[in-house]
Amino acid sequence: QVQLVESGGGLVQSGGSLRLSCAASGIIFSIFHMGWYRQAPGKQRELVARITSGGTANYADSVKGRFTISREDAKNTVYLQMNSLRPEDTAVYYCNAALRALSSWGQGTQVTVSS
């Protein structure tokens, strides 16, 4: 079965950086499109960044120029480098693997940015 395990979250001051990782198992990772989503308290889950199986990335406007998504197919891992973090980036960050009708989620990792 598909398993996605996120890591790298934590508490950081405003302006700081974090790198999230998501290790996948149970799938042919290289053919899946991978994404990072986040959900803040009282808000809907939203797309942060997505990278296709071919390596094309797209970002939410709110993180463009600050966050970078990348993937390492040899390690079945997708990353989210987050720089210049702001308090409004505080949320639980979830990893997603998608292919056609298939969509799987990780358990999430908390990111808290203090002002």
Protein backbone atom coordinates (compact mmCIF):
# COMPACT_ATOMS: atom_id res chain seq x y z
CA GLN A 1 0.00 0.00 0.00
CA VAL A 2 1.00 3.60 -0.48
CA GLN A 3 2.81 5.23 2.39
CA LEU A 4 3.95 8.85 2.50
CA VAL A 5 5.99 9.99 5.49
CA GLU A 6 6.70 13.70 5.98
CA SER A 7 9.49 15.08 8.12
CA GLY A 8 11.32 18.34 8.71
CA GLY A 9 8.64 20.47 10.29
CA GLY A 10 9.19 22.48 13.43
CA LEU A 11 9.26 25.90 15.03
CA VAL A 12 11.18 28.68 13.30
CA GLN A 13 11.37 32.45 13.60
CA SER A 14 10.00 34.73 10.93
CA GLY A 15 12.52 35.01 8.10
CA GLY A 16 13.94 31.58 8.79
CA SER A 17 14.07 28.45 6.66
CA LEU A 18 12.96 24.84 6.84
CA ARG A 19 13.19 21.91 4.46
CA LEU A 20 10.40 19.38 4.43
CA SER A 21 10.89 15.87 3.09
CA CYS A 22 8.35 13.26 2.05
CA ALA A 23 9.49 9.68 1.60
CA ALA A 24 7.20 7.47 -0.46
CA SER A 25 6.82 3.72 -0.57
CA GLY A 26 4.42 1.33 -2.23
CA ILE A 27 4.30 3.25 -5.50
CA ILE A 28 6.37 3.65 -8.64
CA PHE A 29 7.42 7.08 -7.43
CA SER A 30 8.83 8.36 -10.71
CA ILE A 31 5.48 8.30 -12.51
CA PHE A 32 3.52 10.11 -9.79
CA HIS A 33 2.91 13.81 -9.58
CA MET A 34 3.85 15.01 -6.11
CA GLY A 35 2.52 17.94 -4.17
CA TRP A 36 2.71 19.81 -0.90
CA TYR A 37 -0.46 21.16 0.64
CA ARG A 38 -1.08 22.97 3.90
CA GLN A 39 -3.94 23.51 6.27
CA ALA A 40 -4.03 26.23 8.88
CA PRO A 41 -6.48 26.13 11.81
CA GLY A 42 -9.98 27.01 10.66
CA LYS A 43 -9.00 27.09 7.01
CA GLN A 44 -9.31 24.74 4.06
CA ARG A 45 -6.40 22.70 2.83
CA GLU A 46 -4.63 24.53 0.03
CA LEU A 47 -2.06 23.69 -2.60
CA VAL A 48 1.41 25.04 -1.84
CA ALA A 49 3.48 23.52 -4.64
CA ARG A 50 3.30 20.68 -7.08
CA ILE A 51 5.84 18.92 -9.26
CA THR A 52 4.94 16.63 -12.14
CA SER A 53 6.58 13.33 -12.94
CA GLY A 54 8.51 15.22 -15.60
CA GLY A 55 9.80 17.77 -13.12
CA THR A 56 7.59 20.75 -13.94
CA ALA A 57 6.83 22.75 -10.82
CA ASN A 58 4.09 25.22 -10.01
CA TYR A 59 3.42 27.24 -6.88
CA ALA A 60 0.74 29.09 -5.03
CA ASP A 61 1.14 32.84 -5.50
CA SER A 62 1.68 33.27 -1.77
CA VAL A 63 4.89 31.21 -1.81
CA LYS A 64 6.39 32.03 -5.21
CA GLY A 65 9.98 33.13 -4.89
CA ARG A 66 10.26 31.79 -1.33
CA PHE A 67 9.53 28.06 -1.61
CA THR A 68 11.09 25.48 -3.93
CA ILE A 69 9.75 22.00 -4.58
CA SER A 70 12.05 19.30 -5.89
CA ARG A 71 12.10 15.56 -6.25
CA GLU A 72 14.73 12.85 -6.12
CA ASP A 73 13.28 9.81 -7.86
CA ALA A 74 16.22 7.60 -6.91
CA LYS A 75 15.29 8.13 -3.26
CA ASN A 76 11.50 8.17 -3.74
CA THR A 77 11.50 11.55 -2.01
CA VAL A 78 10.03 14.97 -2.64
CA TYR A 79 11.27 18.08 -0.85
CA LEU A 80 9.95 21.52 -0.05
CA GLN A 81 12.59 24.14 0.69
CA MET A 82 10.94 27.01 2.51
CA ASN A 83 12.82 30.30 2.86
CA SER A 84 11.80 33.70 4.22
CA LEU A 85 9.10 32.09 6.29
CA ARG A 86 6.27 34.23 7.59
CA PRO A 87 3.81 33.71 10.45
CA GLU A 88 1.06 33.17 7.87
CA ASP A 89 2.94 30.07 6.66
CA THR A 90 2.07 28.37 9.94
CA ALA A 91 0.09 25.22 9.14
CA VAL A 92 0.18 21.47 8.96
CA TYR A 93 1.93 20.55 5.72
CA TYR A 94 0.82 17.44 3.86
CA CYS A 95 2.49 15.47 1.10
CA ASN A 96 0.34 14.18 -1.76
CA ALA A 97 0.97 11.62 -4.48
CA ALA A 98 -1.37 11.69 -7.46
CA LEU A 99 -1.77 9.76 -10.67
CA ARG A 100 -5.03 9.93 -12.61
CA ALA A 101 -7.75 8.96 -10.09
CA LEU A 102 -5.25 7.86 -7.44
CA SER A 103 -4.46 10.28 -4.63
CA SER A 104 -2.70 9.50 -1.38
CA TRP A 105 -1.80 11.65 1.59
CA GLY A 106 0.78 11.66 4.31
CA GLN A 107 0.00 12.26 7.96
CA GLY A 108 1.26 15.83 7.91
CA THR A 109 4.02 17.76 9.65
CA GLN A 110 3.52 20.91 11.69
CA VAL A 111 5.29 24.11 10.68
CA THR A 112 5.07 27.00 13.10
CA VAL A 113 6.56 30.40 12.30
CA SER A 114 6.86 32.82 15.19
CA SER A 115 6.86 36.58 14.70
